[in-house]
N, C-alpha and C. Protein backbone atom coordinates (compact mmCIF):
# COMPACT_ATOMS: atom_id res chain seq x y z
N MET A 1 13.21 7.44 6.52
CA MET A 1 13.35 6.68 5.29
C MET A 1 12.68 7.47 4.17
N ILE A 2 13.43 7.80 3.15
CA ILE A 2 12.91 8.54 2.00
C ILE A 2 13.33 7.83 0.73
N ILE A 3 12.39 7.68 -0.19
CA ILE A 3 12.66 7.14 -1.52
C ILE A 3 12.24 8.21 -2.52
N LYS A 4 13.14 8.54 -3.44
CA LYS A 4 12.82 9.54 -4.47
C LYS A 4 12.75 8.86 -5.83
N THR A 5 11.75 9.24 -6.61
CA THR A 5 11.60 8.78 -7.99
C THR A 5 11.58 10.02 -8.88
N LYS A 6 11.34 9.81 -10.14
CA LYS A 6 11.32 10.93 -11.08
C LYS A 6 10.30 12.00 -10.67
N ARG A 7 9.10 11.57 -10.27
CA ARG A 7 8.03 12.52 -9.95
C ARG A 7 7.64 12.56 -8.49
N LEU A 8 8.09 11.58 -7.71
CA LEU A 8 7.54 11.39 -6.36
C LEU A 8 8.60 11.40 -5.28
N ILE A 9 8.15 11.68 -4.08
CA ILE A 9 8.93 11.43 -2.87
C ILE A 9 8.07 10.55 -1.97
N LEU A 10 8.62 9.41 -1.58
CA LEU A 10 7.97 8.51 -0.63
C LEU A 10 8.69 8.70 0.69
N ARG A 11 7.94 9.02 1.71
CA ARG A 11 8.52 9.35 3.01
C ARG A 11 7.69 8.71 4.12
N GLU A 12 8.16 8.85 5.34
CA GLU A 12 7.40 8.38 6.49
C GLU A 12 6.12 9.21 6.63
N VAL A 13 5.09 8.61 7.18
CA VAL A 13 3.84 9.31 7.49
C VAL A 13 4.11 10.25 8.66
N LYS A 14 3.48 11.43 8.63
CA LYS A 14 3.68 12.39 9.72
C LYS A 14 2.35 13.03 10.12
N LYS A 15 2.35 13.68 11.26
CA LYS A 15 1.13 14.27 11.84
C LYS A 15 0.41 15.20 10.86
N SER A 16 1.15 15.95 10.08
CA SER A 16 0.53 16.91 9.16
C SER A 16 -0.22 16.24 8.01
N ASP A 17 -0.14 14.92 7.90
CA ASP A 17 -0.89 14.18 6.87
C ASP A 17 -2.35 13.94 7.26
N LEU A 18 -2.72 14.32 8.47
CA LEU A 18 -4.03 13.97 9.02
C LEU A 18 -5.19 14.38 8.11
N ASN A 19 -5.25 15.61 7.67
CA ASN A 19 -6.40 16.05 6.86
C ASN A 19 -6.46 15.37 5.51
N ASP A 20 -5.30 15.17 4.88
CA ASP A 20 -5.28 14.48 3.58
C ASP A 20 -5.75 13.03 3.74
N LEU A 21 -5.27 12.36 4.76
CA LEU A 21 -5.69 10.98 5.03
C LEU A 21 -7.18 10.93 5.32
N PHE A 22 -7.64 11.81 6.18
CA PHE A 22 -9.06 11.88 6.54
C PHE A 22 -9.93 12.06 5.29
N ASN A 23 -9.57 12.98 4.43
CA ASN A 23 -10.36 13.24 3.22
C ASN A 23 -10.37 12.04 2.28
N ASP A 24 -9.22 11.43 2.05
CA ASP A 24 -9.16 10.29 1.12
C ASP A 24 -9.88 9.06 1.64
N MET A 25 -9.77 8.79 2.93
CA MET A 25 -10.43 7.61 3.48
C MET A 25 -11.95 7.79 3.56
N ASN A 26 -12.42 9.00 3.41
CA ASN A 26 -13.86 9.24 3.35
C ASN A 26 -14.39 9.20 1.93
N ASN A 27 -13.56 8.77 1.00
CA ASN A 27 -14.00 8.52 -0.37
C ASN A 27 -14.31 7.03 -0.47
N ILE A 28 -15.56 6.67 -0.62
CA ILE A 28 -15.96 5.26 -0.64
C ILE A 28 -15.33 4.51 -1.81
N LYS A 29 -14.95 5.21 -2.87
CA LYS A 29 -14.27 4.56 -3.99
C LYS A 29 -12.90 4.04 -3.58
N ILE A 30 -12.33 4.62 -2.55
CA ILE A 30 -11.04 4.16 -2.02
C ILE A 30 -11.27 3.18 -0.88
N SER A 31 -12.02 3.58 0.12
CA SER A 31 -12.16 2.77 1.34
C SER A 31 -12.90 1.45 1.09
N SER A 32 -13.71 1.37 0.05
CA SER A 32 -14.44 0.12 -0.21
C SER A 32 -13.51 -1.00 -0.66
N PHE A 33 -12.28 -0.68 -1.05
CA PHE A 33 -11.32 -1.70 -1.46
C PHE A 33 -10.23 -1.91 -0.41
N MET A 34 -10.46 -1.41 0.81
CA MET A 34 -9.46 -1.52 1.86
C MET A 34 -10.03 -2.20 3.09
N LEU A 35 -9.21 -3.00 3.73
CA LEU A 35 -9.62 -3.66 4.97
C LEU A 35 -9.28 -2.77 6.16
N GLY A 36 -10.10 -2.83 7.19
CA GLY A 36 -9.83 -2.11 8.42
C GLY A 36 -10.12 -0.62 8.39
N ILE A 37 -10.79 -0.15 7.35
CA ILE A 37 -11.11 1.27 7.24
C ILE A 37 -12.61 1.46 7.45
N PRO A 38 -13.01 2.08 8.56
CA PRO A 38 -14.44 2.31 8.78
C PRO A 38 -14.95 3.41 7.86
N PHE A 39 -16.24 3.42 7.66
CA PHE A 39 -16.87 4.48 6.86
C PHE A 39 -18.15 4.90 7.55
N PRO A 40 -18.31 6.14 7.89
CA PRO A 40 -17.36 7.22 7.62
C PRO A 40 -16.09 7.10 8.48
N PHE A 41 -15.02 7.64 7.96
CA PHE A 41 -13.71 7.64 8.59
C PHE A 41 -13.60 8.93 9.41
N LYS A 42 -13.33 8.80 10.71
CA LYS A 42 -13.29 9.95 11.60
C LYS A 42 -11.87 10.50 11.70
N LYS A 43 -11.77 11.73 12.15
CA LYS A 43 -10.44 12.32 12.39
C LYS A 43 -9.68 11.49 13.42
N SER A 44 -10.40 10.93 14.38
CA SER A 44 -9.74 10.09 15.39
C SER A 44 -9.18 8.82 14.75
N ASP A 45 -9.86 8.30 13.71
CA ASP A 45 -9.34 7.14 12.98
C ASP A 45 -8.05 7.51 12.26
N ALA A 46 -8.05 8.68 11.62
CA ALA A 46 -6.85 9.15 10.92
C ALA A 46 -5.71 9.35 11.90
N ASN A 47 -6.00 9.94 13.03
CA ASN A 47 -4.98 10.17 14.05
C ASN A 47 -4.42 8.86 14.58
N GLN A 48 -5.30 7.89 14.79
CA GLN A 48 -4.87 6.57 15.27
C GLN A 48 -3.92 5.91 14.26
N TRP A 49 -4.25 5.97 12.96
CA TRP A 49 -3.40 5.37 11.93
C TRP A 49 -2.04 6.08 11.88
N ILE A 50 -2.07 7.39 11.92
CA ILE A 50 -0.81 8.15 11.87
C ILE A 50 0.05 7.82 13.08
N ASN A 51 -0.53 7.76 14.26
CA ASN A 51 0.23 7.38 15.46
C ASN A 51 0.80 5.98 15.33
N HIS A 52 0.02 5.06 14.78
CA HIS A 52 0.51 3.70 14.54
C HIS A 52 1.73 3.73 13.61
N CYS A 53 1.63 4.48 12.52
CA CYS A 53 2.73 4.55 11.55
C CYS A 53 3.99 5.14 12.18
N ILE A 54 3.83 6.19 12.95
CA ILE A 54 4.98 6.83 13.60
C ILE A 54 5.63 5.88 14.60
N LYS A 55 4.82 5.22 15.41
CA LYS A 55 5.33 4.24 16.38
C LYS A 55 6.03 3.08 15.66
N SER A 56 5.41 2.59 14.61
CA SER A 56 5.97 1.48 13.83
C SER A 56 7.31 1.85 13.21
N SER A 57 7.45 3.11 12.79
CA SER A 57 8.70 3.55 12.14
C SER A 57 9.87 3.58 13.10
N LYS A 58 9.60 3.58 14.40
CA LYS A 58 10.66 3.63 15.40
C LYS A 58 11.07 2.25 15.92
N LYS A 59 10.31 1.21 15.55
CA LYS A 59 10.63 -0.14 16.02
C LYS A 59 11.91 -0.65 15.38
N VAL A 60 12.69 -1.38 16.18
CA VAL A 60 13.89 -2.03 15.67
C VAL A 60 13.85 -3.47 16.15
N PRO A 61 13.85 -4.44 15.24
CA PRO A 61 13.79 -4.26 13.79
C PRO A 61 12.39 -3.84 13.35
N ARG A 62 12.33 -3.24 12.18
CA ARG A 62 11.04 -2.79 11.64
C ARG A 62 10.22 -4.00 11.24
N GLU A 63 8.93 -3.93 11.54
CA GLU A 63 7.99 -4.98 11.13
C GLU A 63 7.12 -4.52 9.98
N GLU A 64 7.15 -3.22 9.71
CA GLU A 64 6.25 -2.64 8.72
C GLU A 64 6.87 -1.34 8.22
N TYR A 65 6.68 -1.07 6.95
CA TYR A 65 7.07 0.21 6.36
C TYR A 65 5.83 0.81 5.72
N VAL A 66 5.47 2.02 6.12
CA VAL A 66 4.36 2.73 5.50
C VAL A 66 4.96 3.97 4.84
N PHE A 67 4.96 3.98 3.51
CA PHE A 67 5.50 5.10 2.76
C PHE A 67 4.36 6.02 2.32
N ALA A 68 4.43 7.27 2.73
CA ALA A 68 3.50 8.28 2.26
C ALA A 68 3.93 8.68 0.85
N ILE A 69 3.01 8.62 -0.10
CA ILE A 69 3.30 9.05 -1.47
C ILE A 69 3.02 10.54 -1.55
N THR A 70 4.03 11.30 -2.00
CA THR A 70 3.85 12.73 -2.25
C THR A 70 4.46 13.06 -3.61
N VAL A 71 3.93 14.09 -4.25
CA VAL A 71 4.50 14.58 -5.51
C VAL A 71 5.67 15.48 -5.14
N ARG A 72 6.77 15.38 -5.91
CA ARG A 72 7.93 16.25 -5.65
C ARG A 72 7.48 17.71 -5.59
N ASN A 73 8.08 18.46 -4.72
CA ASN A 73 7.80 19.89 -4.51
C ASN A 73 6.42 20.17 -3.90
N GLU A 74 5.71 19.12 -3.51
CA GLU A 74 4.44 19.28 -2.80
C GLU A 74 4.47 18.30 -1.64
N ASP A 75 4.26 18.75 -0.46
CA ASP A 75 4.29 17.83 0.69
C ASP A 75 2.88 17.44 1.09
N LYS A 76 2.10 17.00 0.11
CA LYS A 76 0.71 16.61 0.33
C LYS A 76 0.60 15.10 0.16
N LEU A 77 0.05 14.43 1.17
CA LEU A 77 -0.18 12.99 1.10
C LEU A 77 -1.21 12.70 0.00
N ILE A 78 -0.82 11.84 -0.96
CA ILE A 78 -1.77 11.45 -2.02
C ILE A 78 -1.97 9.93 -2.05
N GLY A 79 -1.32 9.21 -1.16
CA GLY A 79 -1.47 7.77 -1.10
C GLY A 79 -0.42 7.16 -0.20
N GLU A 80 -0.44 5.84 -0.14
CA GLU A 80 0.54 5.11 0.66
C GLU A 80 0.90 3.80 -0.04
N VAL A 81 2.14 3.37 0.18
CA VAL A 81 2.57 2.02 -0.17
C VAL A 81 3.04 1.40 1.14
N ILE A 82 2.56 0.20 1.41
CA ILE A 82 2.80 -0.44 2.71
C ILE A 82 3.45 -1.80 2.51
N LEU A 83 4.50 -2.05 3.27
CA LEU A 83 5.11 -3.38 3.37
C LEU A 83 4.80 -3.89 4.76
N ASN A 84 4.02 -4.95 4.84
CA ASN A 84 3.66 -5.56 6.13
C ASN A 84 4.49 -6.80 6.35
N GLU A 85 4.93 -6.99 7.60
CA GLU A 85 5.61 -8.24 7.93
C GLU A 85 4.60 -9.37 7.78
N ASN A 86 4.87 -10.24 6.87
CA ASN A 86 4.00 -11.38 6.64
C ASN A 86 4.65 -12.62 7.26
N ASP A 87 5.88 -12.87 6.87
CA ASP A 87 6.66 -13.99 7.38
C ASP A 87 8.12 -13.59 7.24
N PHE A 88 8.55 -12.70 8.12
CA PHE A 88 9.87 -12.10 7.97
C PHE A 88 10.98 -13.13 8.06
N ASP A 89 10.79 -14.18 8.85
CA ASP A 89 11.82 -15.22 8.95
C ASP A 89 12.10 -15.84 7.59
N ASN A 90 11.08 -15.96 6.77
CA ASN A 90 11.24 -16.53 5.43
C ASN A 90 11.35 -15.46 4.36
N LYS A 91 11.55 -14.21 4.78
CA LYS A 91 11.73 -13.08 3.85
C LYS A 91 10.55 -12.92 2.90
N SER A 92 9.35 -13.09 3.43
CA SER A 92 8.12 -12.95 2.65
C SER A 92 7.29 -11.81 3.24
N VAL A 93 6.97 -10.81 2.42
CA VAL A 93 6.31 -9.60 2.89
C VAL A 93 5.13 -9.26 2.00
N GLU A 94 4.06 -8.75 2.61
CA GLU A 94 2.88 -8.33 1.86
C GLU A 94 3.00 -6.86 1.46
N LEU A 95 2.64 -6.56 0.22
CA LEU A 95 2.65 -5.20 -0.30
C LEU A 95 1.21 -4.75 -0.50
N ALA A 96 0.90 -3.52 -0.10
CA ALA A 96 -0.44 -2.95 -0.30
C ALA A 96 -0.28 -1.48 -0.64
N PHE A 97 -1.31 -0.88 -1.22
CA PHE A 97 -1.24 0.53 -1.58
C PHE A 97 -2.64 1.11 -1.74
N TRP A 98 -2.70 2.43 -1.67
CA TRP A 98 -3.91 3.17 -2.02
C TRP A 98 -3.47 4.52 -2.58
N LEU A 99 -4.36 5.16 -3.34
CA LEU A 99 -4.04 6.44 -3.97
C LEU A 99 -5.28 7.32 -4.02
N SER A 100 -5.09 8.62 -3.82
CA SER A 100 -6.18 9.60 -3.94
C SER A 100 -6.83 9.48 -5.32
N GLU A 101 -8.14 9.58 -5.36
CA GLU A 101 -8.86 9.45 -6.63
C GLU A 101 -8.40 10.49 -7.65
N SER A 102 -8.05 11.68 -7.21
CA SER A 102 -7.61 12.74 -8.14
C SER A 102 -6.30 12.38 -8.84
N GLN A 103 -5.60 11.37 -8.35
CA GLN A 103 -4.31 10.97 -8.92
C GLN A 103 -4.38 9.67 -9.73
N TRP A 104 -5.57 9.10 -9.85
CA TRP A 104 -5.71 7.84 -10.59
C TRP A 104 -5.37 8.04 -12.07
N ASN A 105 -4.90 6.96 -12.68
CA ASN A 105 -4.61 6.91 -14.13
C ASN A 105 -3.51 7.87 -14.57
N LYS A 106 -2.55 8.10 -13.69
CA LYS A 106 -1.40 8.94 -14.02
C LYS A 106 -0.09 8.18 -13.90
N GLY A 107 -0.16 6.88 -13.59
CA GLY A 107 1.04 6.08 -13.42
C GLY A 107 1.73 6.28 -12.08
N ILE A 108 1.09 6.97 -11.17
CA ILE A 108 1.72 7.28 -9.88
C ILE A 108 1.88 6.03 -9.02
N VAL A 109 0.85 5.20 -8.93
CA VAL A 109 0.98 3.98 -8.12
C VAL A 109 2.05 3.08 -8.70
N THR A 110 2.08 2.94 -10.01
CA THR A 110 3.10 2.10 -10.65
C THR A 110 4.49 2.59 -10.27
N GLU A 111 4.72 3.89 -10.39
CA GLU A 111 6.02 4.48 -10.06
C GLU A 111 6.37 4.29 -8.58
N ALA A 112 5.39 4.52 -7.72
CA ALA A 112 5.63 4.38 -6.28
C ALA A 112 5.90 2.92 -5.90
N VAL A 113 5.08 2.01 -6.40
CA VAL A 113 5.25 0.60 -6.06
C VAL A 113 6.56 0.06 -6.62
N GLU A 114 6.94 0.45 -7.83
CA GLU A 114 8.23 0.01 -8.38
C GLU A 114 9.38 0.41 -7.46
N SER A 115 9.33 1.62 -6.93
CA SER A 115 10.41 2.08 -6.06
C SER A 115 10.43 1.31 -4.74
N VAL A 116 9.27 0.95 -4.22
CA VAL A 116 9.20 0.18 -2.98
C VAL A 116 9.61 -1.27 -3.24
N MET A 117 9.29 -1.80 -4.42
CA MET A 117 9.76 -3.14 -4.78
C MET A 117 11.29 -3.17 -4.79
N ASP A 118 11.90 -2.16 -5.38
CA ASP A 118 13.36 -2.06 -5.41
C ASP A 118 13.92 -2.02 -3.99
N PHE A 119 13.31 -1.22 -3.14
CA PHE A 119 13.71 -1.14 -1.73
C PHE A 119 13.58 -2.50 -1.05
N ALA A 120 12.47 -3.18 -1.27
CA ALA A 120 12.22 -4.48 -0.61
C ALA A 120 13.22 -5.53 -1.06
N PHE A 121 13.44 -5.63 -2.37
CA PHE A 121 14.33 -6.68 -2.87
C PHE A 121 15.81 -6.35 -2.68
N ASN A 122 16.20 -5.10 -2.87
CA ASN A 122 17.62 -4.75 -2.86
C ASN A 122 18.14 -4.22 -1.53
N LYS A 123 17.29 -3.59 -0.73
CA LYS A 123 17.75 -3.07 0.57
C LYS A 123 17.37 -4.02 1.71
N LEU A 124 16.12 -4.48 1.71
CA LEU A 124 15.67 -5.38 2.77
C LEU A 124 16.01 -6.84 2.49
N LYS A 125 16.40 -7.12 1.26
CA LYS A 125 16.75 -8.48 0.82
C LYS A 125 15.59 -9.45 0.99
N ILE A 126 14.38 -8.97 0.72
CA ILE A 126 13.19 -9.80 0.75
C ILE A 126 13.27 -10.82 -0.38
N ASN A 127 12.79 -12.03 -0.14
CA ASN A 127 12.75 -13.04 -1.19
C ASN A 127 11.43 -13.06 -1.93
N ARG A 128 10.34 -12.70 -1.23
CA ARG A 128 9.01 -12.83 -1.83
C ARG A 128 8.13 -11.65 -1.42
N LEU A 129 7.53 -11.00 -2.41
CA LEU A 129 6.51 -9.99 -2.17
C LEU A 129 5.17 -10.59 -2.53
N GLU A 130 4.19 -10.39 -1.67
CA GLU A 130 2.83 -10.88 -1.93
C GLU A 130 1.89 -9.70 -2.03
N MET A 131 0.86 -9.88 -2.82
CA MET A 131 -0.14 -8.83 -2.98
C MET A 131 -1.50 -9.49 -3.16
N ALA A 132 -2.52 -8.92 -2.53
CA ALA A 132 -3.90 -9.39 -2.72
C ALA A 132 -4.73 -8.21 -3.20
N ALA A 133 -5.65 -8.49 -4.11
CA ALA A 133 -6.56 -7.45 -4.61
C ALA A 133 -7.94 -8.06 -4.74
N PHE A 134 -8.96 -7.31 -4.29
CA PHE A 134 -10.32 -7.79 -4.52
C PHE A 134 -10.49 -8.04 -6.01
N VAL A 135 -11.19 -9.11 -6.34
CA VAL A 135 -11.42 -9.45 -7.75
C VAL A 135 -12.00 -8.25 -8.50
N GLU A 136 -12.87 -7.49 -7.86
CA GLU A 136 -13.53 -6.35 -8.51
C GLU A 136 -12.63 -5.12 -8.65
N ASN A 137 -11.47 -5.11 -8.02
CA ASN A 137 -10.59 -3.95 -8.05
C ASN A 137 -9.74 -3.99 -9.31
N VAL A 138 -10.31 -3.49 -10.38
CA VAL A 138 -9.68 -3.55 -11.71
C VAL A 138 -8.31 -2.88 -11.69
N GLY A 139 -8.20 -1.72 -11.07
CA GLY A 139 -6.94 -0.98 -11.06
C GLY A 139 -5.82 -1.73 -10.37
N SER A 140 -6.07 -2.26 -9.18
CA SER A 140 -5.02 -2.98 -8.44
C SER A 140 -4.61 -4.27 -9.14
N ASN A 141 -5.58 -4.98 -9.72
CA ASN A 141 -5.24 -6.19 -10.47
C ASN A 141 -4.39 -5.85 -11.69
N ALA A 142 -4.71 -4.76 -12.36
CA ALA A 142 -3.93 -4.34 -13.53
C ALA A 142 -2.51 -3.96 -13.14
N ILE A 143 -2.35 -3.28 -12.02
CA ILE A 143 -1.01 -2.89 -11.56
C ILE A 143 -0.18 -4.12 -11.23
N ALA A 144 -0.77 -5.10 -10.54
CA ALA A 144 -0.03 -6.33 -10.22
C ALA A 144 0.50 -6.98 -11.49
N LYS A 145 -0.35 -7.08 -12.50
CA LYS A 145 0.07 -7.70 -13.76
C LYS A 145 1.11 -6.85 -14.48
N LYS A 146 0.90 -5.54 -14.53
CA LYS A 146 1.83 -4.63 -15.20
C LYS A 146 3.23 -4.71 -14.60
N LEU A 147 3.30 -4.86 -13.28
CA LEU A 147 4.59 -4.90 -12.60
C LEU A 147 5.23 -6.28 -12.60
N GLY A 148 4.56 -7.26 -13.19
CA GLY A 148 5.15 -8.59 -13.33
C GLY A 148 4.87 -9.55 -12.20
N PHE A 149 3.93 -9.23 -11.33
CA PHE A 149 3.55 -10.18 -10.29
C PHE A 149 2.87 -11.38 -10.94
N LYS A 150 3.11 -12.55 -10.38
CA LYS A 150 2.51 -13.79 -10.89
C LYS A 150 1.20 -14.05 -10.16
N TYR A 151 0.18 -14.38 -10.92
CA TYR A 151 -1.12 -14.72 -10.34
C TYR A 151 -1.01 -16.10 -9.71
N GLU A 152 -1.37 -16.22 -8.43
CA GLU A 152 -1.27 -17.49 -7.72
C GLU A 152 -2.62 -18.16 -7.50
N GLY A 153 -3.68 -17.41 -7.59
CA GLY A 153 -4.99 -18.01 -7.38
C GLY A 153 -5.96 -17.05 -6.74
N ARG A 154 -7.08 -17.60 -6.37
CA ARG A 154 -8.18 -16.80 -5.83
C ARG A 154 -8.58 -17.35 -4.47
N LYS A 155 -8.65 -16.47 -3.47
CA LYS A 155 -9.16 -16.84 -2.15
C LYS A 155 -10.63 -16.46 -2.13
N ARG A 156 -11.46 -17.45 -2.00
CA ARG A 156 -12.90 -17.21 -2.05
C ARG A 156 -13.39 -16.59 -0.74
N GLU A 157 -14.23 -15.57 -0.90
CA GLU A 157 -14.87 -14.89 0.24
C GLU A 157 -13.88 -14.63 1.38
N ALA A 158 -12.75 -14.04 1.02
CA ALA A 158 -11.66 -13.88 1.98
C ALA A 158 -11.64 -12.52 2.68
N SER A 159 -12.34 -11.53 2.13
CA SER A 159 -12.23 -10.18 2.67
C SER A 159 -13.58 -9.50 2.82
N ILE A 160 -13.75 -8.81 3.94
CA ILE A 160 -14.96 -8.03 4.18
C ILE A 160 -14.53 -6.65 4.68
N PRO A 161 -14.50 -5.65 3.80
CA PRO A 161 -14.12 -4.31 4.26
C PRO A 161 -15.16 -3.73 5.22
N GLU A 162 -14.67 -3.05 6.24
CA GLU A 162 -15.57 -2.42 7.22
C GLU A 162 -16.49 -1.40 6.57
N SER A 163 -16.00 -0.75 5.52
CA SER A 163 -16.75 0.36 4.92
C SER A 163 -18.02 -0.10 4.22
N THR A 164 -18.03 -1.31 3.67
CA THR A 164 -19.20 -1.78 2.91
C THR A 164 -19.85 -3.02 3.49
N LYS A 165 -19.09 -3.78 4.26
CA LYS A 165 -19.56 -5.06 4.83
C LYS A 165 -19.88 -6.10 3.74
N LYS A 166 -19.39 -5.87 2.52
CA LYS A 166 -19.62 -6.82 1.43
C LYS A 166 -18.47 -7.83 1.38
N VAL A 167 -18.81 -9.08 1.10
CA VAL A 167 -17.82 -10.14 1.01
C VAL A 167 -17.18 -10.12 -0.38
N HIS A 168 -15.84 -10.24 -0.40
CA HIS A 168 -15.10 -10.22 -1.66
C HIS A 168 -14.16 -11.41 -1.77
N ASP A 169 -13.99 -11.90 -2.98
CA ASP A 169 -12.91 -12.83 -3.29
C ASP A 169 -11.65 -12.00 -3.53
N ASP A 170 -10.49 -12.57 -3.17
CA ASP A 170 -9.20 -11.92 -3.41
C ASP A 170 -8.44 -12.65 -4.50
N ASN A 171 -7.84 -11.89 -5.41
CA ASN A 171 -6.83 -12.44 -6.31
C ASN A 171 -5.50 -12.33 -5.60
N LEU A 172 -4.72 -13.40 -5.61
CA LEU A 172 -3.42 -13.42 -4.94
C LEU A 172 -2.31 -13.39 -5.98
N TYR A 173 -1.31 -12.55 -5.71
CA TYR A 173 -0.16 -12.38 -6.60
C TYR A 173 1.12 -12.46 -5.79
N SER A 174 2.22 -12.80 -6.46
CA SER A 174 3.52 -12.76 -5.80
C SER A 174 4.61 -12.47 -6.81
N MET A 175 5.73 -12.03 -6.28
CA MET A 175 6.95 -11.88 -7.07
C MET A 175 8.11 -12.33 -6.20
N LEU A 176 8.99 -13.12 -6.79
CA LEU A 176 10.18 -13.59 -6.10
C LEU A 176 11.37 -12.72 -6.48
N ARG A 177 12.36 -12.70 -5.61
CA ARG A 177 13.56 -11.91 -5.87
C ARG A 177 14.18 -12.26 -7.23
N ARG A 178 14.25 -13.54 -7.55
CA ARG A 178 14.88 -13.94 -8.82
C ARG A 178 14.06 -13.52 -10.04
N GLU A 179 12.78 -13.21 -9.84
CA GLU A 179 11.92 -12.76 -10.94
C GLU A 179 11.97 -11.24 -11.11
N TYR A 180 12.47 -10.56 -10.11
CA TYR A 180 12.50 -9.10 -10.14
C TYR A 180 13.49 -8.63 -11.19
N ARG A 181 13.12 -7.66 -11.98
CA ARG A 181 13.91 -7.26 -13.14
C ARG A 181 15.00 -6.24 -12.88
N LYS A 182 15.17 -5.78 -11.67
CA LYS A 182 16.21 -4.76 -11.42
C LYS A 182 17.33 -5.34 -10.59
């Protein structure tokens, strides 16, 4: 599965992404806003995630899509956009993402997420995309609003990332197929 945008190629995760994933997940500015990511992040953790992604990509029907974000003409992993099966029977899926710190504030996540939204609504025929962001995650909350997700509320003390063990409230967002602009 490959999605191409003006500047990016979103593709399946592969074994050669190991070092890029390892380096980015060892950045506490990234891992502190993610669930299930230990800190420090070991090469074995990176290998386990990559193996999970590869195995998941072969399942039929697919329960999850993990898109590796790469810049065109460079096959370097700089982030991921993930669609998790949330309630597939009701066509409701959770969207999540992360990006290398060196790529922040360049519009890359917006471009990548827009392309995955198009894939979700127009190819997978999803009815509802959901997104959660820690209240303190200014960037992710801004992206949700910029892309037109509707704020649904706040889940109090809902998330504890492994990397920091700090309790966070989550802002919840959603977008319905009929609200999608493409």
